[in-house]
N, C-alpha and C. Protein backbone atom coordinates (compact mmCIF):
# COMPACT_ATOMS: atom_id res chain seq x y z
N UNK A 1 14.64 -10.40 7.39
CA UNK A 1 15.19 -10.57 6.06
C UNK A 1 14.52 -11.76 5.39
N UNK A 2 13.96 -11.58 4.21
CA UNK A 2 13.27 -12.70 3.57
C UNK A 2 14.24 -13.77 3.10
N UNK A 3 13.73 -14.97 3.12
CA UNK A 3 14.52 -16.10 2.61
C UNK A 3 14.21 -16.24 1.14
N UNK A 4 15.22 -16.44 0.34
CA UNK A 4 15.01 -16.58 -1.10
C UNK A 4 14.23 -17.85 -1.40
N UNK A 5 13.40 -17.84 -2.44
CA UNK A 5 12.60 -19.02 -2.78
C UNK A 5 13.43 -20.29 -2.90
N UNK A 6 14.61 -20.18 -3.46
CA UNK A 6 15.43 -21.38 -3.65
C UNK A 6 15.91 -21.92 -2.30
N UNK A 7 16.11 -21.01 -1.34
CA UNK A 7 16.52 -21.44 -0.01
C UNK A 7 15.38 -22.15 0.71
N UNK A 8 14.16 -21.71 0.50
CA UNK A 8 13.00 -22.40 1.08
C UNK A 8 12.94 -23.81 0.55
N UNK A 9 13.08 -23.93 -0.75
CA UNK A 9 13.00 -25.24 -1.38
C UNK A 9 14.10 -26.15 -0.86
N UNK A 10 15.30 -25.61 -0.72
CA UNK A 10 16.42 -26.41 -0.22
C UNK A 10 16.23 -26.76 1.25
N UNK A 11 15.82 -25.79 2.04
CA UNK A 11 15.67 -26.00 3.48
C UNK A 11 14.65 -27.09 3.78
N UNK A 12 13.58 -27.13 3.04
CA UNK A 12 12.53 -28.10 3.31
C UNK A 12 12.67 -29.36 2.47
N UNK A 13 13.80 -29.50 1.81
CA UNK A 13 14.16 -30.70 1.07
C UNK A 13 13.04 -31.19 0.15
N UNK A 14 12.59 -30.28 -0.69
CA UNK A 14 11.57 -30.65 -1.65
C UNK A 14 12.18 -31.49 -2.75
N UNK A 15 11.32 -32.18 -3.47
CA UNK A 15 11.79 -33.09 -4.52
C UNK A 15 12.58 -32.34 -5.58
N UNK A 16 13.37 -33.10 -6.32
CA UNK A 16 14.25 -32.52 -7.34
C UNK A 16 13.46 -31.68 -8.34
N UNK A 17 12.29 -32.14 -8.76
CA UNK A 17 11.50 -31.41 -9.75
C UNK A 17 10.99 -30.08 -9.20
N UNK A 18 10.97 -29.93 -7.88
CA UNK A 18 10.49 -28.70 -7.27
C UNK A 18 11.64 -27.76 -6.93
N UNK A 19 12.87 -28.19 -7.15
CA UNK A 19 14.03 -27.40 -6.74
C UNK A 19 14.37 -26.27 -7.70
N UNK A 20 13.83 -26.29 -8.89
CA UNK A 20 14.17 -25.22 -9.83
C UNK A 20 12.91 -24.53 -10.32
N UNK A 21 12.30 -23.71 -9.45
CA UNK A 21 11.11 -23.00 -9.89
C UNK A 21 11.48 -21.97 -10.95
N UNK A 22 10.55 -21.74 -11.87
CA UNK A 22 10.83 -20.72 -12.88
C UNK A 22 10.75 -19.34 -12.24
N UNK A 23 11.08 -18.35 -13.00
CA UNK A 23 11.16 -17.00 -12.45
C UNK A 23 9.84 -16.54 -11.86
N UNK A 24 8.73 -16.82 -12.54
CA UNK A 24 7.44 -16.36 -12.03
C UNK A 24 7.09 -17.05 -10.72
N UNK A 25 7.45 -18.33 -10.57
CA UNK A 25 7.20 -19.02 -9.30
C UNK A 25 8.05 -18.42 -8.19
N UNK A 26 9.28 -18.08 -8.50
CA UNK A 26 10.15 -17.46 -7.50
C UNK A 26 9.59 -16.11 -7.07
N UNK A 27 9.07 -15.36 -8.02
CA UNK A 27 8.46 -14.07 -7.69
C UNK A 27 7.20 -14.25 -6.86
N UNK A 28 6.42 -15.29 -7.17
CA UNK A 28 5.22 -15.58 -6.39
C UNK A 28 5.59 -15.93 -4.96
N UNK A 29 6.59 -16.76 -4.78
CA UNK A 29 7.02 -17.13 -3.43
C UNK A 29 7.49 -15.89 -2.66
N UNK A 30 8.22 -15.02 -3.33
CA UNK A 30 8.67 -13.78 -2.70
C UNK A 30 7.46 -12.93 -2.29
N UNK A 31 6.46 -12.83 -3.17
CA UNK A 31 5.24 -12.08 -2.87
C UNK A 31 4.53 -12.68 -1.65
N UNK A 32 4.44 -14.00 -1.60
CA UNK A 32 3.77 -14.66 -0.48
C UNK A 32 4.48 -14.35 0.84
N UNK A 33 5.80 -14.33 0.80
CA UNK A 33 6.58 -14.04 2.01
C UNK A 33 6.48 -12.57 2.41
N UNK A 34 6.70 -11.70 1.47
CA UNK A 34 6.82 -10.27 1.77
C UNK A 34 5.48 -9.58 1.96
N UNK A 35 4.56 -9.79 1.04
CA UNK A 35 3.30 -9.06 1.09
C UNK A 35 2.25 -9.73 1.97
N UNK A 36 2.22 -11.05 1.96
CA UNK A 36 1.21 -11.76 2.75
C UNK A 36 1.77 -12.33 4.04
N UNK A 37 3.07 -12.21 4.24
CA UNK A 37 3.74 -12.66 5.47
C UNK A 37 3.50 -14.14 5.77
N UNK A 38 3.51 -14.97 4.74
CA UNK A 38 3.35 -16.41 4.95
C UNK A 38 4.67 -17.00 5.44
N UNK A 39 4.55 -17.97 6.32
CA UNK A 39 5.73 -18.64 6.86
C UNK A 39 6.38 -19.51 5.80
N UNK A 40 7.68 -19.66 5.91
CA UNK A 40 8.42 -20.51 4.97
C UNK A 40 7.88 -21.93 4.97
N UNK A 41 7.57 -22.44 6.16
CA UNK A 41 7.08 -23.81 6.26
C UNK A 41 5.72 -23.96 5.58
N UNK A 42 4.88 -22.96 5.66
CA UNK A 42 3.57 -23.00 4.99
C UNK A 42 3.73 -23.02 3.48
N UNK A 43 4.64 -22.21 2.99
CA UNK A 43 4.89 -22.17 1.55
C UNK A 43 5.43 -23.51 1.07
N UNK A 44 6.38 -24.06 1.81
CA UNK A 44 6.97 -25.35 1.43
C UNK A 44 5.92 -26.45 1.43
N UNK A 45 5.06 -26.47 2.46
CA UNK A 45 4.01 -27.47 2.52
C UNK A 45 3.06 -27.34 1.33
N UNK A 46 2.69 -26.10 1.01
CA UNK A 46 1.78 -25.87 -0.10
C UNK A 46 2.41 -26.29 -1.43
N UNK A 47 3.70 -26.07 -1.59
CA UNK A 47 4.38 -26.50 -2.82
C UNK A 47 4.30 -28.01 -2.95
N UNK A 48 4.53 -28.71 -1.85
CA UNK A 48 4.44 -30.18 -1.88
C UNK A 48 3.04 -30.64 -2.27
N UNK A 49 2.03 -30.07 -1.60
CA UNK A 49 0.65 -30.47 -1.88
C UNK A 49 0.23 -30.10 -3.30
N UNK A 50 0.67 -28.94 -3.77
CA UNK A 50 0.33 -28.54 -5.13
C UNK A 50 0.90 -29.53 -6.13
N UNK A 51 2.10 -30.01 -5.86
CA UNK A 51 2.74 -31.00 -6.74
C UNK A 51 1.97 -32.32 -6.70
N UNK A 52 1.61 -32.78 -5.50
CA UNK A 52 0.88 -34.04 -5.34
C UNK A 52 -0.49 -33.98 -5.99
N UNK A 53 -1.17 -32.87 -5.78
CA UNK A 53 -2.54 -32.72 -6.27
C UNK A 53 -2.60 -32.17 -7.68
N UNK A 54 -1.46 -31.77 -8.19
CA UNK A 54 -1.38 -31.15 -9.53
C UNK A 54 -2.34 -29.97 -9.64
N UNK A 55 -2.33 -29.18 -8.59
CA UNK A 55 -3.20 -28.01 -8.54
C UNK A 55 -2.39 -26.74 -8.42
N UNK A 56 -3.01 -25.62 -8.72
CA UNK A 56 -2.30 -24.34 -8.62
C UNK A 56 -2.00 -23.99 -7.16
N UNK A 57 -0.82 -23.48 -6.94
CA UNK A 57 -0.37 -23.14 -5.60
C UNK A 57 -1.34 -22.22 -4.84
N UNK A 58 -1.88 -21.16 -5.46
CA UNK A 58 -2.81 -20.31 -4.71
C UNK A 58 -4.04 -21.06 -4.19
N UNK A 59 -4.57 -21.96 -4.98
CA UNK A 59 -5.75 -22.71 -4.55
C UNK A 59 -5.40 -23.68 -3.43
N UNK A 60 -4.22 -24.26 -3.48
CA UNK A 60 -3.78 -25.17 -2.41
C UNK A 60 -3.61 -24.38 -1.11
N UNK A 61 -3.02 -23.21 -1.20
CA UNK A 61 -2.87 -22.37 -0.01
C UNK A 61 -4.23 -22.08 0.63
N UNK A 62 -5.22 -21.78 -0.18
CA UNK A 62 -6.56 -21.47 0.33
C UNK A 62 -7.25 -22.73 0.85
N UNK A 63 -7.15 -23.81 0.11
CA UNK A 63 -7.82 -25.06 0.49
C UNK A 63 -7.37 -25.54 1.88
N UNK A 64 -6.11 -25.38 2.18
CA UNK A 64 -5.59 -25.83 3.47
C UNK A 64 -5.59 -24.74 4.54
N UNK A 65 -6.26 -23.64 4.26
CA UNK A 65 -6.43 -22.60 5.26
C UNK A 65 -5.19 -21.77 5.55
N UNK A 66 -4.26 -21.78 4.62
CA UNK A 66 -3.02 -21.02 4.82
C UNK A 66 -3.17 -19.56 4.41
N UNK A 67 -4.19 -19.28 3.60
CA UNK A 67 -4.53 -17.90 3.25
C UNK A 67 -6.05 -17.75 3.33
N UNK A 68 -6.49 -16.55 3.61
CA UNK A 68 -7.92 -16.26 3.64
C UNK A 68 -8.43 -16.04 2.21
N UNK A 69 -9.73 -15.93 2.09
CA UNK A 69 -10.31 -15.66 0.77
C UNK A 69 -9.83 -14.30 0.25
N UNK A 70 -9.72 -13.34 1.15
CA UNK A 70 -9.22 -12.02 0.75
C UNK A 70 -7.77 -12.12 0.25
N UNK A 71 -6.96 -12.89 0.95
CA UNK A 71 -5.57 -13.07 0.52
C UNK A 71 -5.50 -13.82 -0.80
N UNK A 72 -6.38 -14.81 -0.98
CA UNK A 72 -6.42 -15.53 -2.25
C UNK A 72 -6.71 -14.55 -3.38
N UNK A 73 -7.65 -13.65 -3.17
CA UNK A 73 -7.95 -12.64 -4.19
C UNK A 73 -6.75 -11.74 -4.46
N UNK A 74 -5.99 -11.41 -3.42
CA UNK A 74 -4.78 -10.61 -3.61
C UNK A 74 -3.77 -11.37 -4.47
N UNK A 75 -3.63 -12.66 -4.20
CA UNK A 75 -2.70 -13.48 -4.98
C UNK A 75 -3.14 -13.53 -6.44
N UNK A 76 -4.42 -13.77 -6.66
CA UNK A 76 -4.93 -13.86 -8.03
C UNK A 76 -4.77 -12.53 -8.77
N UNK A 77 -5.03 -11.43 -8.07
CA UNK A 77 -4.81 -10.10 -8.67
C UNK A 77 -3.34 -9.91 -9.02
N UNK A 78 -2.45 -10.32 -8.12
CA UNK A 78 -1.02 -10.19 -8.37
C UNK A 78 -0.61 -11.01 -9.58
N UNK A 79 -1.17 -12.21 -9.71
CA UNK A 79 -0.82 -13.08 -10.84
C UNK A 79 -1.28 -12.50 -12.17
N UNK A 80 -2.37 -11.74 -12.15
CA UNK A 80 -2.89 -11.14 -13.38
C UNK A 80 -2.00 -10.01 -13.89
N UNK A 81 -1.22 -9.41 -13.01
CA UNK A 81 -0.37 -8.26 -13.39
C UNK A 81 0.82 -8.68 -14.19
């Protein structure tokens, strides 16, 4: 059973500004969990790094080796839809 995006954020005690993702971010997190089978901890770590680096979450996931180049392309295709 997938964990809801808000539960990931709460479980990993992310900063207050990261606790209320907009709807598209919540859908992206759900996509990462369900379609790409990313671990909750990986998503939470990437959210933290994306905030620190002020970079887009998909690029942070790829930069830290949490997704392959093929998976990055899947994410980017999903975001275009």
